[in-house]
Protein backbone atom coordinates (compact mmCIF):
# COMPACT_ATOMS: atom_id res chain seq x y z
CA MET A 1 3.05 -8.05 3.78
CA PRO A 2 3.50 -4.58 4.75
CA MET A 3 3.35 -3.20 8.31
CA PRO A 4 0.40 -2.19 9.37
CA LEU A 5 0.53 1.78 8.89
CA ALA A 6 -3.36 2.95 9.76
CA ARG A 7 -2.05 4.65 13.46
CA ARG A 8 1.05 6.44 11.99
CA SER A 9 0.65 9.73 10.47
CA LYS A 10 -1.02 9.75 7.30
CA ALA A 11 2.80 11.01 5.65
CA LEU A 12 3.87 7.36 6.61
CA SER A 13 1.07 5.56 5.01
CA ALA A 14 2.36 3.52 2.13
CA GLY A 15 0.62 4.54 0.01
CA VAL A 16 0.61 6.43 -1.17
CA LEU A 17 2.67 -2.83 -9.32
CA ALA A 18 6.34 -14.22 -21.31
CA VAL A 19 2.79 -13.36 -21.82
CA THR A 20 1.44 -16.18 -24.50
CA THR A 21 -0.74 -14.45 -26.77
CA MET A 22 -2.40 -11.27 -27.42
CA VAL A 23 -5.31 -10.53 -25.33
CA VAL A 24 -8.37 -10.26 -27.22
CA ALA A 25 -11.96 -9.44 -25.80
CA VAL A 26 -14.78 -11.99 -25.37
CA GLY A 27 -18.48 -11.83 -25.17
CA GLY A 28 -20.09 -11.43 -22.08
CA ALA A 29 -21.81 -15.00 -21.82
CA GLY A 30 -18.11 -16.61 -22.74
CA GLY A 31 -16.38 -14.78 -20.28
CA ALA A 32 -19.01 -15.68 -17.45
CA ALA A 33 -18.81 -19.17 -18.12
CA ALA A 34 -14.79 -18.82 -17.96
CA LEU A 35 -15.39 -17.30 -14.38
CA GLN A 36 -17.95 -19.35 -13.10
CA SER A 37 -15.46 -22.39 -13.53
CA ASP A 38 -12.33 -20.64 -12.58
CA HIS A 39 -14.06 -19.81 -9.20
CA ALA A 40 -15.34 -23.39 -8.84
CA LYS A 41 -11.98 -24.71 -9.44
CA VAL A 42 -9.56 -22.42 -7.00
CA ARG A 43 -7.57 -23.70 -4.15
CA ASN A 44 -10.47 -22.81 -1.94
CA ALA A 45 -12.78 -25.60 -3.09
CA SER A 46 -15.64 -24.50 -0.97
CA VAL A 47 -16.23 -21.38 -2.95
CA PRO A 48 -19.33 -22.17 -5.14
CA VAL A 49 -19.86 -21.30 -8.58
CA LEU A 50 -20.96 -17.56 -8.81
CA PRO A 51 -24.56 -16.73 -10.02
CA ALA A 52 -25.49 -15.19 -13.27
CA ARG A 53 -26.28 -12.11 -11.73
CA PHE A 54 -22.39 -11.31 -10.90
CA THR A 55 -20.82 -12.79 -14.00
CA GLN A 56 -23.38 -11.31 -16.62
CA GLN A 57 -24.08 -7.78 -15.48
CA LYS A 58 -23.55 -4.86 -17.71
CA VAL A 59 -21.74 -1.74 -16.43
CA HIS A 60 -23.58 1.31 -16.87
CA TRP A 61 -21.19 3.93 -17.88
CA THR A 62 -21.37 7.41 -16.58
CA HIS A 63 -19.49 10.95 -16.53
CA CYS A 64 -17.57 10.60 -13.12
CA ASP A 65 -18.99 12.98 -10.49
CA ALA A 66 -17.57 14.84 -7.58
CA ASP A 67 -17.86 11.97 -5.28
CA VAL A 68 -15.40 10.46 -7.34
CA THR A 69 -12.84 13.16 -8.28
CA ALA A 70 -13.36 16.97 -8.58
CA LYS A 71 -11.06 17.03 -11.81
CA ALA A 72 -12.08 14.03 -14.01
CA LEU A 73 -10.34 13.96 -17.29
CA PRO A 74 -12.31 14.56 -20.38
CA GLY A 75 -14.20 11.41 -21.49
CA ALA A 76 -13.65 9.68 -18.26
CA GLN A 77 -16.43 7.29 -17.32
CA CYS A 78 -17.53 5.57 -14.04
CA GLY A 79 -19.89 3.06 -13.22
CA TRP A 80 -20.81 0.43 -10.62
CA VAL A 81 -20.14 -3.60 -10.43
CA LYS A 82 -21.79 -5.65 -7.71
CA VAL A 83 -20.02 -8.53 -5.93
CA PRO A 84 -21.01 -10.92 -3.26
CA VAL A 85 -19.61 -9.90 0.25
CA ASP A 86 -18.72 -13.45 0.95
CA TYR A 87 -17.77 -15.63 -1.86
CA ALA A 88 -18.60 -18.64 0.16
CA ALA A 89 -22.22 -17.64 0.34
CA PRO A 90 -22.65 -15.53 -2.93
CA ASP A 91 -26.75 -15.53 -2.16
CA GLY A 92 -26.12 -13.19 0.83
CA LYS A 93 -25.26 -9.96 1.02
CA THR A 94 -23.55 -7.67 -1.63
CA VAL A 95 -21.49 -4.63 -2.22
CA ASN A 96 -21.15 -2.48 -4.99
CA LEU A 97 -17.42 -1.56 -6.55
CA ARG A 98 -17.04 1.69 -7.84
CA VAL A 99 -15.10 1.31 -11.17
CA SER A 100 -13.55 4.28 -13.77
CA ARG A 101 -12.02 4.02 -17.05
CA VAL A 102 -10.40 5.87 -19.37
CA GLN A 103 -10.70 4.62 -23.10
CA ALA A 104 -7.83 3.71 -25.24
CA LYS A 105 -6.72 6.50 -27.41
CA ASP A 106 -5.73 4.23 -30.11
CA GLN A 107 -9.37 2.17 -30.23
CA ARG A 108 -8.57 0.56 -33.73
CA HIS A 109 -5.42 -1.18 -31.86
CA ARG A 110 -6.98 -1.54 -28.45
CA LEU A 111 -5.57 -4.61 -26.51
CA GLY A 112 -8.17 -4.58 -23.90
CA SER A 113 -8.47 -3.27 -20.08
CA LEU A 114 -5.44 -2.12 -18.15
CA PHE A 115 -6.39 -2.46 -14.33
CA PHE A 116 -4.78 -0.31 -11.84
CA ASN A 117 -4.25 -0.40 -7.87
CA PRO A 118 -2.44 2.37 -6.28
CA GLY A 119 -1.87 0.73 -2.97
CA GLY A 120 -2.22 0.83 0.70
CA PRO A 121 -3.87 -1.13 1.52
CA GLY A 122 -6.69 1.68 2.12
CA ALA A 123 -6.21 3.67 -1.12
CA GLY A 124 -9.01 3.47 -3.83
CA GLY A 125 -8.12 3.52 -7.76
CA ALA A 126 -11.14 4.90 -9.18
CA ALA A 127 -10.07 8.56 -8.60
CA HIS A 128 -6.61 7.81 -9.60
CA VAL A 129 -7.52 6.83 -13.05
CA ALA A 130 -10.43 9.04 -13.58
CA SER A 131 -8.31 11.87 -12.61
CA GLY A 132 -5.26 11.42 -14.85
CA ASN A 133 -3.31 10.92 -11.51
CA TRP A 134 -2.08 7.64 -12.93
CA PRO A 135 -1.68 8.14 -16.47
CA ALA A 136 0.49 4.76 -17.51
CA GLY A 137 3.04 4.94 -19.92
CA GLU A 138 2.38 6.61 -23.55
CA GLN A 139 2.33 3.70 -25.20
CA ALA A 140 0.25 1.63 -22.80
CA ARG A 141 -2.08 4.49 -22.62
CA ALA A 142 -2.62 4.57 -26.37
CA ARG A 143 -3.56 0.87 -26.59
CA TYR A 144 -5.49 0.08 -23.12
CA ASP A 145 -8.68 1.40 -21.54
CA LEU A 146 -7.23 2.23 -18.13
CA VAL A 147 -9.51 0.96 -15.31
CA GLY A 148 -9.28 1.99 -11.64
CA PHE A 149 -11.39 0.78 -8.89
CA ASP A 150 -12.14 1.24 -5.23
CA PRO A 151 -11.54 -2.04 -3.57
CA ARG A 152 -14.36 -3.53 -1.08
CA GLY A 153 -15.01 -1.36 1.80
CA ILE A 154 -12.52 1.43 0.29
CA GLY A 155 -13.48 4.68 -1.23
CA GLY A 156 -16.89 4.59 -3.34
CA SER A 157 -17.29 0.97 -2.56
CA GLY A 158 -19.12 0.65 0.61
CA GLN A 159 -16.98 2.56 3.29
CA ILE A 160 -16.25 0.60 6.48
CA THR A 161 -16.00 2.95 9.25
CA CYS A 162 -14.92 3.57 12.86
CA PRO A 163 -17.20 5.84 15.39
CA ASP A 164 -14.29 7.66 16.57
CA GLY A 165 -11.69 7.42 13.90
CA MET A 166 -8.52 5.55 14.28
CA ALA A 167 -5.73 6.75 16.42
CA GLU A 168 -2.05 6.96 15.10
CA GLY A 169 -0.80 4.47 17.69
CA PRO A 170 0.42 5.21 21.31
CA GLU A 171 1.48 8.51 22.18
CA ALA A 172 4.45 7.11 24.03
CA THR A 173 5.70 3.62 23.37
CA PRO A 174 4.82 1.64 26.33
CA ARG A 175 7.54 0.85 28.58
CA THR A 176 5.61 -1.02 31.53
CA ALA A 177 3.25 -3.83 32.14
CA SER A 178 0.68 -1.44 33.20
CA GLU A 179 1.21 0.86 30.29
CA ALA A 180 0.94 -1.65 27.58
CA GLU A 181 -2.48 -3.23 29.28
CA ARG A 182 -3.72 0.06 29.25
CA THR A 183 -2.79 0.56 25.22
CA PHE A 184 -4.04 -2.98 24.67
CA ALA A 185 -7.31 -2.37 26.45
CA ASP A 186 -7.92 0.91 24.74
CA ALA A 187 -7.07 -0.28 21.10
CA THR A 188 -9.26 -3.53 21.62
CA ARG A 189 -12.27 -1.30 22.59
CA GLN A 190 -11.76 0.95 19.55
CA ALA A 191 -11.28 -2.30 17.05
CA GLN A 192 -14.29 -3.50 18.38
CA ALA A 193 -16.17 -0.19 17.73
CA CYS A 194 -15.19 -0.39 14.40
CA GLN A 195 -16.36 -3.75 13.97
CA ARG A 196 -19.76 -2.54 14.94
CA ALA A 197 -19.86 0.08 13.04
CA SER A 198 -18.75 -1.16 9.42
CA GLY A 199 -20.72 -4.22 9.27
CA PRO A 200 -20.09 -7.93 7.65
CA VAL A 201 -17.97 -6.62 5.03
CA LEU A 202 -15.19 -6.24 7.52
CA ALA A 203 -14.76 -9.85 7.99
CA HIS A 204 -14.46 -9.98 4.39
CA MET A 205 -11.79 -7.33 3.52
CA ASP A 206 -9.05 -9.85 2.95
CA SER A 207 -6.62 -9.77 -0.45
CA VAL A 208 -8.07 -12.96 -1.73
CA SER A 209 -11.47 -11.62 -1.50
CA VAL A 210 -10.12 -8.49 -3.48
CA ALA A 211 -8.61 -10.63 -5.75
CA ARG A 212 -11.92 -12.11 -6.48
CA ASP A 213 -13.44 -9.13 -6.99
CA LEU A 214 -10.81 -8.30 -9.59
CA ASP A 215 -12.11 -11.49 -11.76
CA VAL A 216 -15.29 -10.29 -11.62
CA LEU A 217 -14.32 -7.01 -12.86
CA ARG A 218 -12.22 -8.74 -15.68
CA THR A 219 -15.03 -11.15 -16.95
CA VAL A 220 -17.78 -8.10 -16.90
CA LEU A 221 -15.36 -5.80 -18.89
CA GLY A 222 -14.92 -8.55 -21.40
CA ASP A 223 -11.38 -9.19 -21.11
CA ALA A 224 -10.24 -12.83 -21.27
CA LYS A 225 -6.93 -12.14 -19.26
CA LEU A 226 -6.28 -9.88 -16.61
CA ASN A 227 -3.79 -6.97 -17.79
CA TYR A 228 -2.79 -5.34 -14.25
CA THR A 229 -0.28 -2.84 -12.78
CA GLY A 230 -0.14 -2.95 -9.09
CA VAL A 231 2.08 -0.53 -6.95
CA SER A 232 3.08 -1.30 -3.13
CA TYR A 233 0.22 -3.44 -1.66
CA GLY A 234 -1.02 -3.58 -5.08
CA THR A 235 1.62 -5.99 -5.93
CA PHE A 236 0.49 -8.30 -3.32
CA LEU A 237 -3.07 -8.33 -4.53
CA GLY A 238 -1.82 -9.08 -8.04
CA GLN A 239 0.09 -11.90 -6.53
CA GLN A 240 -3.17 -13.24 -4.62
CA TYR A 241 -4.77 -13.27 -8.08
CA MET A 242 -1.87 -15.08 -9.73
CA LYS A 243 -2.11 -18.04 -7.25
CA LEU A 244 -6.05 -18.09 -7.70
CA PHE A 245 -6.41 -17.69 -11.39
CA PRO A 246 -2.91 -18.32 -12.77
CA GLY A 247 -4.68 -19.27 -15.84
CA LYS A 248 -6.36 -15.67 -16.34
CA VAL A 249 -3.06 -13.90 -15.97
CA GLY A 250 -2.26 -11.62 -18.90
CA ARG A 251 0.37 -8.67 -18.54
CA MET A 252 1.05 -7.90 -15.01
CA VAL A 253 3.36 -5.37 -13.69
CA LEU A 254 4.18 -5.28 -10.10
CA ASP A 255 5.82 -1.90 -9.18
CA GLY A 256 7.18 -1.59 -5.66
CA VAL A 257 6.95 -4.92 -5.04
CA VAL A 258 5.66 -6.68 -1.36
CA ASN A 259 7.54 -10.12 -0.53
CA PRO A 260 4.33 -12.40 0.65
CA ALA A 261 6.74 -15.00 2.32
CA ALA A 262 7.96 -12.35 5.06
CA ASP A 263 5.21 -12.29 7.99
CA MET A 264 4.76 -9.12 10.06
CA ARG A 265 7.63 -9.29 12.14
CA GLN A 266 9.94 -10.18 9.21
CA VAL A 267 8.64 -6.80 7.76
CA ALA A 268 9.27 -5.01 10.65
CA ARG A 269 12.84 -5.63 10.88
CA LEU A 270 13.23 -4.86 7.13
CA ASP A 271 11.78 -1.70 7.87
CA MET A 272 14.00 -0.82 10.95
CA LYS A 273 16.97 -1.88 8.61
CA THR A 274 15.73 0.39 5.71
CA ALA A 275 15.07 3.34 8.25
CA ASP A 276 18.52 3.08 9.79
CA ASP A 277 20.13 3.01 6.24
CA ALA A 278 18.30 6.07 5.42
CA VAL A 279 19.23 7.84 8.47
CA ARG A 280 22.77 7.09 8.09
CA ARG A 281 22.39 8.39 4.23
CA TYR A 282 20.89 11.48 6.11
CA ALA A 283 24.13 11.70 8.20
CA ASN A 284 26.54 11.30 5.31
CA ASP A 285 24.57 14.05 3.29
CA LEU A 286 25.13 16.52 5.99
CA VAL A 287 28.88 15.72 6.38
CA ALA A 288 29.41 15.88 2.56
CA ARG A 289 27.45 19.28 2.78
CA GLY A 290 29.83 20.38 5.53
CA ASP A 291 26.64 20.93 7.57
CA THR A 292 28.15 20.24 11.41
CA ARG A 293 25.10 21.20 13.56
CA LEU A 294 24.40 17.70 14.42
CA GLY A 295 27.86 16.43 14.51
CA ALA A 296 31.07 16.82 12.50
CA THR A 297 31.08 12.86 11.44
CA THR A 298 28.54 10.51 10.53
CA GLY A 299 29.17 8.60 13.51
CA GLU A 300 28.54 11.68 15.95
CA ILE A 301 25.46 12.73 14.04
CA LEU A 302 24.00 9.02 14.91
CA ARG A 303 25.34 9.22 18.13
CA THR A 304 23.43 12.76 18.77
CA LEU A 305 20.05 11.06 17.32
CA THR A 306 20.09 8.35 19.51
CA SER A 307 21.20 9.96 22.93
CA PHE A 308 18.33 12.51 22.09
CA SER A 309 15.82 9.71 21.42
CA LYS A 310 16.75 8.08 25.09
CA ARG A 311 16.63 11.88 26.44
CA LEU A 312 13.16 12.45 24.85
CA ALA A 313 11.89 8.79 26.53
CA ARG A 314 12.75 10.13 30.39
CA GLU A 315 11.92 13.67 29.27
CA PRO A 316 9.78 14.66 26.71
CA LEU A 317 9.37 18.07 25.11
CA HIS A 318 6.22 19.96 24.72
CA GLY A 319 4.96 22.00 21.50
CA ALA A 320 2.12 23.78 20.60
CA GLU A 321 -1.02 23.59 22.93
CA GLY A 322 0.82 21.36 25.20
CA LYS A 323 1.35 18.61 22.51
CA GLU A 324 4.00 16.18 23.43
CA PHE A 325 7.29 15.34 21.65
CA ASN A 326 8.97 12.27 22.94
CA ASP A 327 10.92 9.29 21.32
CA ALA A 328 8.13 7.94 19.29
CA ALA A 329 7.53 11.21 17.88
CA LEU A 330 11.29 11.37 16.89
CA SER A 331 11.33 7.89 15.46
CA MET A 332 8.19 8.96 13.20
CA TYR A 333 9.76 12.22 11.86
CA LEU A 334 13.15 10.33 11.06
CA ARG A 335 11.35 7.46 9.41
CA MET A 336 9.52 10.16 7.27
CA THR A 337 12.77 11.22 6.03
CA ALA A 338 13.19 7.75 4.78
CA THR A 339 9.83 7.54 2.78
CA GLY A 340 10.63 11.06 1.16
CA ASP A 341 7.57 12.58 3.12
CA VAL A 342 9.74 15.33 4.69
CA SER A 343 13.09 16.92 3.33
CA TRP A 344 16.41 16.30 5.12
CA ARG A 345 16.88 20.03 4.79
CA GLN A 346 13.44 20.58 6.66
CA LEU A 347 14.39 17.64 9.24
CA THR A 348 17.66 19.42 10.32
CA THR A 349 16.50 22.70 11.01
CA ALA A 350 13.71 21.14 13.12
CA LEU A 351 15.94 18.93 14.94
CA VAL A 352 18.84 21.56 15.66
CA ALA A 353 15.77 23.49 17.21
CA ALA A 354 14.54 20.54 19.23
CA LEU A 355 17.88 19.74 20.89
CA HIS A 356 17.60 23.14 22.72
CA GLY A 357 13.99 22.57 23.83
CA ASP A 358 12.21 24.19 20.92
CA VAL A 359 9.96 21.83 18.98
CA SER A 360 7.96 24.30 17.05
CA GLY A 361 10.02 23.33 13.97
CA PHE A 362 8.20 20.12 13.80
CA ASP A 363 4.70 21.68 14.53
CA ARG A 364 5.54 23.79 11.38
CA LEU A 365 6.20 20.64 9.34
CA ASP A 366 2.84 19.42 10.21
CA ALA A 367 0.94 22.85 9.54
CA ALA A 368 2.70 22.75 6.07
CA GLY A 369 1.85 19.12 5.27
CA ALA A 370 3.92 15.92 4.92
CA GLY A 371 5.61 17.31 2.05
CA GLY A 372 6.20 20.46 3.36
CA GLY A 373 3.86 22.05 0.69
CA GLY A 374 1.12 24.67 0.89
CA GLY A 375 -0.66 23.48 3.88
CA GLU A 376 -4.08 23.65 2.09
CA LYS A 377 -6.94 22.66 4.42
CA PRO A 378 -8.36 19.33 3.31
CA THR A 379 -11.70 19.06 1.88
CA PRO A 380 -14.56 17.12 3.75
CA GLN A 381 -14.19 14.30 0.94
CA GLU A 382 -10.49 14.22 1.66
CA LYS A 383 -11.21 14.01 5.58
CA GLN A 384 -13.53 11.26 4.81
CA ALA A 385 -11.05 9.44 2.38
CA ASP A 386 -8.37 9.97 5.16
CA ALA A 387 -10.37 8.50 7.67
CA ASN A 388 -11.37 5.40 5.51
CA GLU A 389 -8.08 4.67 4.74
CA ALA A 390 -6.96 4.81 8.27
CA VAL A 391 -9.20 2.04 9.01
CA SER A 392 -9.26 0.12 6.04
CA MET A 393 -5.19 -0.36 6.19
CA PRO A 394 -5.62 -2.90 9.51
CA ALA A 395 -8.81 -4.03 8.21
CA VAL A 396 -7.04 -5.78 5.38
CA LEU A 397 -3.46 -6.10 6.88
CA CYS A 398 -5.05 -7.79 10.06
CA LEU A 399 -6.64 -10.74 7.70
CA ASP A 400 -3.84 -11.22 5.57
CA SER A 401 -1.09 -11.30 8.29
CA PRO A 402 -1.12 -13.65 11.20
CA SER A 403 2.14 -12.88 13.12
CA ALA A 404 1.23 -10.09 15.39
CA PRO A 405 2.05 -10.43 19.32
CA LYS A 406 -1.02 -11.30 20.96
CA SER A 407 -0.69 -10.05 24.38
CA PRO A 408 0.86 -6.90 26.48
CA GLU A 409 3.59 -9.04 27.50
CA ALA A 410 4.40 -10.29 23.88
CA MET A 411 4.22 -6.71 22.47
CA LEU A 412 6.60 -5.54 25.29
CA ASN A 413 9.09 -8.35 24.57
CA THR A 414 9.03 -7.66 21.02
CA ALA A 415 9.27 -3.96 21.18
CA GLU A 416 12.55 -4.50 23.65
CA THR A 417 14.16 -7.03 21.27
CA PHE A 418 13.65 -4.40 18.14
CA ALA A 419 14.98 -1.51 20.33
CA LYS A 420 18.30 -3.67 20.63
CA GLN A 421 18.56 -3.94 17.10
CA SER A 422 17.68 -0.49 16.26
CA PRO A 423 17.42 1.98 18.98
CA LEU A 424 15.81 4.62 16.91
CA PHE A 425 13.26 2.68 15.22
CA GLY A 426 12.67 -0.33 17.25
CA ARG A 427 10.03 0.36 19.82
CA PHE A 428 8.20 2.67 17.34
CA LEU A 429 7.76 -0.12 14.59
CA ALA A 430 7.17 -2.83 17.32
CA TRP A 431 3.96 -0.72 18.75
CA GLN A 432 2.93 -0.31 15.09
CA MET A 433 1.78 -3.90 15.34
CA ILE A 434 -1.01 -2.87 17.84
CA ASP A 435 -3.72 -2.72 15.25
CA CYS A 436 -3.22 -6.51 14.39
CA ALA A 437 -2.53 -7.30 17.86
CA THR A 438 -6.11 -6.35 19.10
CA TRP A 439 -8.16 -6.92 15.94
CA PRO A 440 -11.14 -8.66 16.69
CA LEU A 441 -11.14 -10.71 13.56
CA ALA A 442 -8.86 -13.46 13.15
CA PRO A 443 -6.45 -13.67 10.05
CA THR A 444 -7.18 -15.92 7.15
CA GLY A 445 -4.09 -15.43 5.51
CA SER A 446 -0.32 -16.61 5.86
CA ALA A 447 3.20 -15.59 4.88
CA ALA A 448 4.27 -17.83 2.06
CA PRO A 449 6.20 -17.63 -1.14
CA VAL A 450 4.06 -16.68 -4.29
CA LYS A 451 3.48 -20.13 -6.04
CA ALA A 452 1.66 -19.69 -9.42
CA PRO A 453 2.02 -22.50 -11.70
CA GLY A 454 0.80 -21.98 -15.16
CA ALA A 455 1.08 -18.19 -14.70
CA PRO A 456 3.01 -16.52 -17.47
CA PRO A 457 5.82 -14.61 -16.60
CA VAL A 458 5.17 -10.97 -14.94
CA LEU A 459 7.36 -7.86 -14.92
CA LEU A 460 8.66 -6.64 -11.10
CA VAL A 461 10.02 -2.97 -10.97
CA SER A 462 11.80 -1.44 -7.94
CA TYR A 463 13.70 1.60 -7.05
CA THR A 464 17.35 0.84 -5.97
CA ASP A 465 16.73 2.61 -2.88
CA ASP A 466 12.46 2.10 -1.88
CA ALA A 467 12.30 2.79 1.99
CA VAL A 468 8.73 1.53 1.73
CA THR A 469 9.22 -1.77 -0.06
CA PRO A 470 12.98 -2.30 -0.21
CA LEU A 471 14.55 -3.54 -3.40
CA ALA A 472 15.14 -7.01 -1.60
CA ASN A 473 11.32 -7.76 -1.44
CA ALA A 474 11.43 -7.39 -5.26
CA GLN A 475 14.61 -9.71 -5.56
CA ALA A 476 13.01 -12.53 -2.99
CA VAL A 477 9.87 -12.71 -5.55
CA HIS A 478 11.94 -12.54 -8.55
CA ARG A 479 13.50 -15.67 -7.14
CA GLN A 480 10.02 -17.32 -6.15
CA LEU A 481 8.82 -16.62 -9.58
CA ALA A 482 11.30 -18.48 -12.05
CA HIS A 483 10.05 -16.85 -15.04
CA SER A 484 9.60 -13.22 -13.75
CA SER A 485 11.48 -10.38 -15.05
CA LEU A 486 13.07 -7.63 -12.41
CA LEU A 487 13.46 -4.09 -13.86
CA ILE A 488 15.56 -1.95 -11.29
CA ARG A 489 15.40 2.31 -11.54
CA LYS A 490 18.21 3.62 -9.94
CA GLY A 491 17.45 6.14 -7.27
CA HIS A 492 15.25 6.95 -4.33
CA GLY A 493 11.43 6.19 -4.64
CA HIS A 494 8.30 4.27 -4.36
CA SER A 495 6.71 3.02 -7.44
CA ALA A 496 9.19 3.46 -10.61
CA TYR A 497 6.68 3.44 -13.49
CA ALA A 498 4.53 6.43 -14.84
CA THR A 499 5.92 8.54 -12.01
CA ASP A 500 7.05 12.25 -11.66
CA PRO A 501 9.96 12.75 -12.10
CA PRO A 502 9.52 10.33 -15.04
CA SER A 503 12.02 7.52 -16.18
CA THR A 504 12.13 7.28 -19.94
CA CYS A 505 13.84 4.01 -19.81
CA THR A 506 11.68 2.52 -16.85
CA ASP A 507 8.45 3.77 -18.93
CA ARG A 508 9.64 2.62 -22.29
CA ALA A 509 10.53 -0.92 -21.07
CA VAL A 510 7.21 -1.44 -19.21
CA ASP A 511 5.14 -0.18 -22.05
CA ARG A 512 7.32 -2.60 -24.61
CA TYR A 513 5.96 -5.43 -22.24
CA LEU A 514 2.58 -4.37 -21.41
CA VAL A 515 1.90 -3.53 -25.54
CA GLY A 516 4.19 -6.25 -27.01
CA GLY A 517 4.64 -8.77 -24.53
CA LYS A 518 8.59 -8.28 -24.77
CA LEU A 519 10.25 -8.67 -21.28
CA PRO A 520 13.35 -6.68 -20.68
CA GLY A 521 15.20 -10.00 -19.53
CA GLN A 522 15.89 -11.51 -16.33
CA VAL A 523 17.34 -8.34 -14.73
CA ALA A 524 17.46 -5.11 -16.38
CA ASN A 525 18.57 -1.97 -15.04
CA CYS A 526 17.90 1.87 -15.85
CA PRO A 527 19.71 4.80 -14.64
CA GLY A 528 18.65 7.59 -12.23
């Protein structure tokens, strides 16, 4: 699973996935019976048959209001689907899932629904589809109804909440036992307040429950098989669906792949390597450009940054209104270059000034927004979505991931070990596990390879240089799923299909699979 990112700045959020026969729509009653049977037979034998009020409900489609998106596409439709909070007790509390769809352009040759999850966890998909933010490829858009949904507790689907919001992690990475104990105590109090404010759904935000929701959505919309595209965390959700309902998998695209066999610490180590590699590329780029402000060689630049980080740990600088700029802040901004949220040119200007004691360049980056663009004031809806995403991320990941350190001492030891492996990022990434170290609900998931006997082959997609979900993840899952196909797009980015800038090679290969069922081969490559 990905590292919990809730208490990092929003810019670091991960976010921001051979079919056998042609998919055909089935009648509501037949789909309901199949769903009831599947839910009774899946691995968790304690899950009872779902009552007909879930499996036979009808969606009342209306136009999409501003609470979904202020810029809905012409013809975009929105509705609700009810699911149980706890599938082990379906007669108990329920939650309404917000769903959107944009109908296939070629209705005569419609193939069914194509569900989309944009990742996170914590990102809702209803607005992505209703606004055209995720358009799919041209051929897929013509033949499928594009369907987005807000997962339980997220967006329009019964938002969970924290009374005081979620912090972005320790303002400085703790170095002593007393600092670690204080950080743990503060995080524990905050997490318990989130639990009280969010109600019973917080204990059922796990990906297995969301995958069951996805199957309810499938049958309610009348699809015999689940056709699905998931990005980043959405790939993990797709893998959970494959394990639960292998016989119901249709055409599945997993784009920016999460490796389910990696536990939280393993993911953190891979994050460190990815971030270190990105900073080395940054240093190489400066040298190639002849920019010597941070050093004349790659090695000199890296030594400058490492030395600066150590100095900030001892003597933080201060920006606007006394805001502290320490080694954790430096790690965060350097990591933002790895994820593409801040350009290397912007970073260099800010770093050069900071080395001389002026951190106003970083204040300007914050004011302009993560991407350095316009700095428009967020709307109340956007503020609410950001706050919901911040708490939703640990709510999901901490149930799915069992391996966070569970004491201040264990966290300090982990941070020290990580710092030896990566002086620039080790402590910063170790302390990002504070959410799950102090979460009040015990994890229900485990780190294990995806095994889906009986599921048809699926298509995995990855950039060669993805700082959020590295190519190594997709390669690992490709080995786990013997009949999968891996499509690799050359370049830097996170999610390679139906993105801007577009890749004709990637989009055509994915569309050929989604529309015609033709996989591009065991491993295929697309140019940058």
